[in-house]
Protein backbone atom coordinates (compact mmCIF):
# COMPACT_ATOMS: atom_id res chain seq x y z
CA MET A 1 -8.46 -76.38 29.29
CA SER A 2 -6.42 -73.31 28.42
CA GLY A 3 -6.19 -70.74 25.70
CA THR A 4 -6.84 -67.08 25.01
CA VAL A 5 -10.28 -65.61 25.56
CA LEU A 6 -11.26 -62.19 24.25
CA ILE A 7 -14.12 -60.52 26.13
CA ILE A 8 -15.81 -57.66 24.26
CA GLU A 9 -18.19 -56.01 26.73
CA ASP A 10 -18.84 -52.31 27.33
CA ASP A 11 -19.96 -52.80 30.94
CA THR A 12 -16.64 -52.68 32.82
CA ARG A 13 -18.05 -54.41 35.87
CA ILE A 14 -19.39 -57.38 33.90
CA ALA A 15 -16.23 -57.60 31.76
CA ASN A 16 -13.95 -57.71 34.81
CA TRP A 17 -16.26 -60.15 36.58
CA VAL A 18 -16.22 -62.62 33.68
CA LYS A 19 -12.47 -62.06 33.18
CA VAL A 20 -11.73 -63.15 36.76
CA TYR A 21 -13.69 -66.37 36.33
CA PHE A 22 -11.95 -67.27 33.08
CA GLU A 23 -8.54 -66.56 34.62
CA ARG A 24 -9.40 -68.78 37.58
CA ALA A 25 -10.27 -71.51 35.07
CA GLY A 26 -6.78 -71.22 33.56
CA TYR A 27 -7.35 -69.00 30.55
CA SER A 28 -5.42 -65.97 29.37
CA VAL A 29 -7.90 -63.12 28.99
CA GLU A 30 -7.99 -59.83 27.09
CA VAL A 31 -10.80 -57.29 27.32
CA ALA A 32 -12.17 -54.65 24.94
CA HIS A 33 -14.96 -52.24 25.82
CA ASP A 34 -16.23 -51.31 22.37
CA GLY A 35 -16.76 -53.04 19.06
CA ALA A 36 -14.02 -51.33 17.08
CA SER A 37 -11.36 -52.07 19.72
CA GLY A 38 -12.66 -55.62 20.00
CA LEU A 39 -12.31 -56.18 16.27
CA ALA A 40 -8.74 -54.87 16.31
CA LEU A 41 -7.83 -57.13 19.25
CA ALA A 42 -9.48 -60.16 17.64
CA ARG A 43 -7.42 -59.63 14.50
CA SER A 44 -4.14 -59.19 16.37
CA LEU A 45 -4.63 -61.86 19.06
CA ALA A 46 -6.33 -64.64 17.07
CA PRO A 47 -8.07 -65.80 20.30
CA ASN A 48 -9.37 -69.29 20.92
CA LEU A 49 -12.76 -67.93 21.99
CA VAL A 50 -14.66 -64.62 21.87
CA ILE A 51 -17.23 -63.58 24.47
CA LEU A 52 -19.24 -60.87 22.72
CA ASP A 53 -21.85 -58.48 24.05
CA LEU A 54 -24.75 -57.81 21.70
CA MET A 55 -25.02 -54.08 22.45
CA LEU A 56 -21.70 -52.28 21.96
CA PRO A 57 -20.61 -48.71 21.14
CA ARG A 58 -18.78 -47.84 17.91
CA LEU A 59 -19.56 -51.22 16.31
CA ASP A 60 -22.51 -53.30 17.52
CA GLY A 61 -22.14 -56.94 18.44
CA VAL A 62 -24.19 -58.34 15.56
CA GLU A 63 -22.13 -56.57 12.91
CA LEU A 64 -18.89 -57.40 14.72
CA CYS A 65 -19.93 -61.06 14.86
CA ARG A 66 -20.59 -61.06 11.12
CA ILE A 67 -17.17 -59.55 10.42
CA LEU A 68 -15.40 -62.08 12.65
CA ARG A 69 -17.27 -64.94 11.04
CA ARG A 70 -16.27 -63.81 7.56
CA GLU A 71 -12.63 -63.66 8.63
CA SER A 72 -12.31 -66.74 10.87
CA ASP A 73 -14.05 -69.68 12.50
CA VAL A 74 -13.25 -68.57 16.07
CA PRO A 75 -15.96 -69.78 18.48
CA ILE A 76 -18.21 -66.92 19.60
CA ILE A 77 -20.54 -66.83 22.60
CA MET A 78 -22.88 -63.84 22.61
CA LEU A 79 -24.02 -62.09 25.78
CA THR A 80 -27.37 -60.37 25.57
CA ALA A 81 -29.83 -58.68 27.91
CA ARG A 82 -32.57 -59.28 25.38
CA GLU A 83 -34.77 -62.21 26.22
CA ALA A 84 -36.97 -62.22 23.11
CA PRO A 85 -36.35 -65.34 20.97
CA ALA A 86 -36.08 -63.16 17.85
CA GLU A 87 -33.05 -61.36 19.31
CA ARG A 88 -31.35 -64.64 20.11
CA ILE A 89 -31.97 -65.86 16.57
CA ILE A 90 -30.41 -62.66 15.18
CA GLY A 91 -27.29 -63.38 17.22
CA LEU A 92 -27.09 -66.96 16.01
CA GLU A 93 -27.75 -65.95 12.41
CA SER A 94 -24.87 -63.48 12.59
CA GLY A 95 -22.54 -66.41 13.30
CA ALA A 96 -22.51 -66.87 17.08
CA ASP A 97 -22.10 -70.44 18.31
CA ASP A 98 -24.06 -69.95 21.52
CA TYR A 99 -25.64 -67.21 23.61
CA VAL A 100 -26.13 -66.42 27.29
CA VAL A 101 -28.89 -64.10 28.49
CA LYS A 102 -28.10 -61.51 31.19
CA PRO A 103 -28.19 -61.74 34.14
CA PHE A 104 -26.09 -64.90 34.08
CA ASP A 105 -23.87 -67.01 36.28
CA PRO A 106 -20.21 -66.68 35.17
CA GLU A 107 -19.78 -70.40 35.78
CA GLU A 108 -22.45 -71.04 33.16
CA VAL A 109 -20.44 -68.97 30.68
CA ILE A 110 -17.33 -71.02 31.51
CA ALA A 111 -19.27 -74.28 31.07
CA ARG A 112 -20.66 -73.19 27.71
CA ALA A 113 -17.23 -71.98 26.61
CA GLU A 114 -15.61 -75.29 27.48
CA ALA A 115 -18.39 -77.19 25.68
CA VAL A 116 -17.73 -75.17 22.52
CA LEU A 117 -13.97 -75.63 22.82
CA ARG A 118 -14.35 -79.38 23.39
CA ARG A 119 -16.27 -79.65 20.16
CA VAL A 120 -13.46 -77.88 18.36
CA LYS A 121 -10.65 -79.85 20.01
CA GLY A 122 -12.42 -83.19 19.75
CA LYS A 123 -12.74 -83.22 16.00
CA VAL A 124 -11.41 -86.38 14.40
CA GLN A 125 -8.87 -85.86 11.64
CA GLN A 126 -10.96 -86.65 8.61
CA MET A 127 -11.92 -85.25 5.26
CA LEU A 128 -15.58 -85.63 4.38
CA THR A 129 -16.65 -85.15 0.78
CA HIS A 130 -20.09 -85.40 -0.74
CA GLY A 131 -20.53 -84.00 -4.22
CA ALA A 132 -18.96 -80.55 -4.37
CA ILE A 133 -18.80 -80.15 -0.58
CA THR A 134 -15.64 -80.97 1.35
CA LEU A 135 -15.29 -80.62 5.13
CA ASN A 136 -11.91 -80.90 6.84
CA GLU A 137 -12.87 -81.93 10.36
CA THR A 138 -9.37 -81.21 11.68
CA THR A 139 -9.31 -77.58 10.68
CA GLY A 140 -13.05 -76.99 10.39
CA THR A 141 -12.63 -75.60 6.88
CA VAL A 142 -15.34 -76.09 4.29
CA THR A 143 -15.18 -75.73 0.52
CA VAL A 144 -17.93 -75.93 -2.06
CA GLY A 145 -16.25 -76.70 -5.33
CA ASP A 146 -12.97 -74.82 -5.01
CA GLU A 147 -14.52 -71.94 -3.08
CA PRO A 148 -13.94 -71.66 0.71
CA VAL A 149 -17.05 -71.09 2.81
CA ALA A 150 -17.00 -69.27 6.16
CA LEU A 151 -19.19 -71.02 8.73
CA SER A 152 -19.57 -70.66 12.47
CA GLN A 153 -18.50 -73.56 14.68
CA ALA A 154 -22.14 -74.50 15.20
CA GLN A 155 -22.85 -74.52 11.48
CA THR A 156 -19.70 -76.52 10.75
CA ALA A 157 -20.73 -79.03 13.42
CA LEU A 158 -24.20 -79.29 11.90
CA LEU A 159 -22.74 -79.85 8.44
CA SER A 160 -20.52 -82.60 9.87
CA THR A 161 -23.56 -84.31 11.39
CA PHE A 162 -25.42 -84.13 8.08
CA MET A 163 -22.43 -85.46 6.14
CA HIS A 164 -21.97 -88.33 8.59
CA HIS A 165 -25.64 -89.27 8.13
CA PRO A 166 -26.30 -88.88 4.39
CA ASN A 167 -29.81 -89.53 3.11
CA GLN A 168 -31.19 -89.93 6.63
CA VAL A 169 -34.07 -87.87 7.96
CA LEU A 170 -32.95 -86.22 11.22
CA THR A 171 -35.34 -84.53 13.61
CA ARG A 172 -34.39 -81.31 15.39
CA GLU A 173 -33.93 -83.30 18.61
CA GLN A 174 -31.59 -85.76 16.88
CA LEU A 175 -29.58 -82.92 15.36
CA ILE A 176 -29.14 -81.32 18.80
CA SER A 177 -28.13 -84.63 20.37
CA LEU A 178 -25.75 -85.70 17.60
CA THR A 179 -24.18 -82.29 17.07
CA PHE A 180 -24.06 -80.70 20.50
CA ASP A 181 -24.29 -83.66 22.91
CA ASP A 182 -27.52 -82.12 24.23
CA GLU A 183 -25.54 -79.06 25.44
CA PHE A 184 -27.30 -76.72 23.02
CA GLU A 185 -29.98 -75.19 25.19
CA GLY A 186 -31.54 -73.32 22.35
CA PHE A 187 -34.89 -74.04 20.85
CA ASP A 188 -36.31 -75.46 17.64
CA ARG A 189 -36.32 -72.15 15.80
CA ALA A 190 -32.69 -71.47 16.72
CA ILE A 191 -31.70 -74.77 15.09
CA ASP A 192 -33.84 -73.85 12.09
CA SER A 193 -32.03 -70.51 11.90
CA GLN A 194 -28.59 -72.14 11.98
CA ILE A 195 -29.62 -74.60 9.27
CA ALA A 196 -31.10 -71.83 7.13
CA ARG A 197 -27.82 -69.91 7.22
CA LEU A 198 -25.83 -73.10 6.53
CA ARG A 199 -28.03 -73.82 3.53
CA ARG A 200 -27.46 -70.33 2.13
CA GLN A 201 -23.71 -70.76 2.49
CA ILE A 202 -23.45 -74.11 0.73
CA ASN A 203 -26.05 -73.52 -1.98
CA ARG A 204 -24.49 -73.37 -5.43
CA GLU A 205 -26.34 -72.95 -8.72
CA GLY A 206 -29.62 -73.92 -7.11
CA ARG A 207 -28.26 -77.25 -5.85
CA GLN A 208 -29.22 -77.61 -2.19
CA PRO A 209 -28.24 -80.87 -0.43
CA ILE A 210 -30.00 -80.07 2.87
CA GLN A 211 -33.67 -80.68 2.28
CA THR A 212 -36.61 -80.03 4.58
CA VAL A 213 -38.78 -83.07 5.23
CA TYR A 214 -42.00 -81.44 6.35
CA GLY A 215 -43.31 -82.72 9.64
CA ALA A 216 -40.16 -84.76 10.23
CA GLY A 217 -36.92 -82.76 10.08
CA TYR A 218 -34.07 -82.43 7.62
CA LYS A 219 -32.17 -84.71 5.24
CA PHE A 220 -28.75 -84.31 3.64
CA VAL A 221 -29.05 -85.71 0.12
CA ALA A 222 -25.62 -86.88 -0.97
CA GLU A 223 -25.01 -86.33 -4.67
CA ASP A 224 -22.53 -89.20 -4.75
CA ALA A 225 -24.78 -91.70 -2.90
C-alpha cells in the first residue's frame, strides 16, 4: 500500500520512530508536534491516514479528532499512554477508528493502519438506502434525508454492516467479525460506544433504526422492509 500518513505526536523520538517505519512500508509521511500544527497540516495535506497522540500541546488529541471527524472521514488511529478502558472509549467516541496503547511495536501500528486502509479501499461501489438513510459505499458518505452526516470509518463500516443485514439481530461478536474481519481488538464496551455515537448521528425526529435487543445484541430495523 501507499499514501500519505500524517503523524501528530509531541514526543519527537516516538514521532520519528513511527515515521521511519511508515516510510519503510512505502508511505509518504509528514509530522506535526502539536495539535494546532497538526490540524493545519491535515487541512492542507488531506492525508490518507492520521496517527494521532491523545495528549498534545496547544490542542489536545480528543478535540483535534472531533474537529477532523466533523470535516472529513479520514481514518484516524489514536496513540495513548492511558490504559484505562474509559480513556480508550473517549478516543473512539471522539471519532477515532482504532487505538494503540503505548508502549507499542511500530509494526503493530503499520498492521492496524493497513487494516483500516484496506477497509476503505475494499468498499464495493454501491448505494445502500433504507428509509431516510443513504450510504455511498464508494465514497463512505452518509446522508439522512438530505442532510450529510459525518461518521468515522469505523462507524460508517458498522452502518454498512447493519444496512446489509436489515432486521437481523447481530451480537457484538458478529458485528466485530462482519465489520472488521476480527481485526478490531477492542472490547464489548468499545463497540457499544461506537454504536451509541452512530445512533446519535443518524437519529432524526426520534426515529432510531438501530435498536438494542437486550441480552442479544443490536438490530437495524429497515423502514422500507
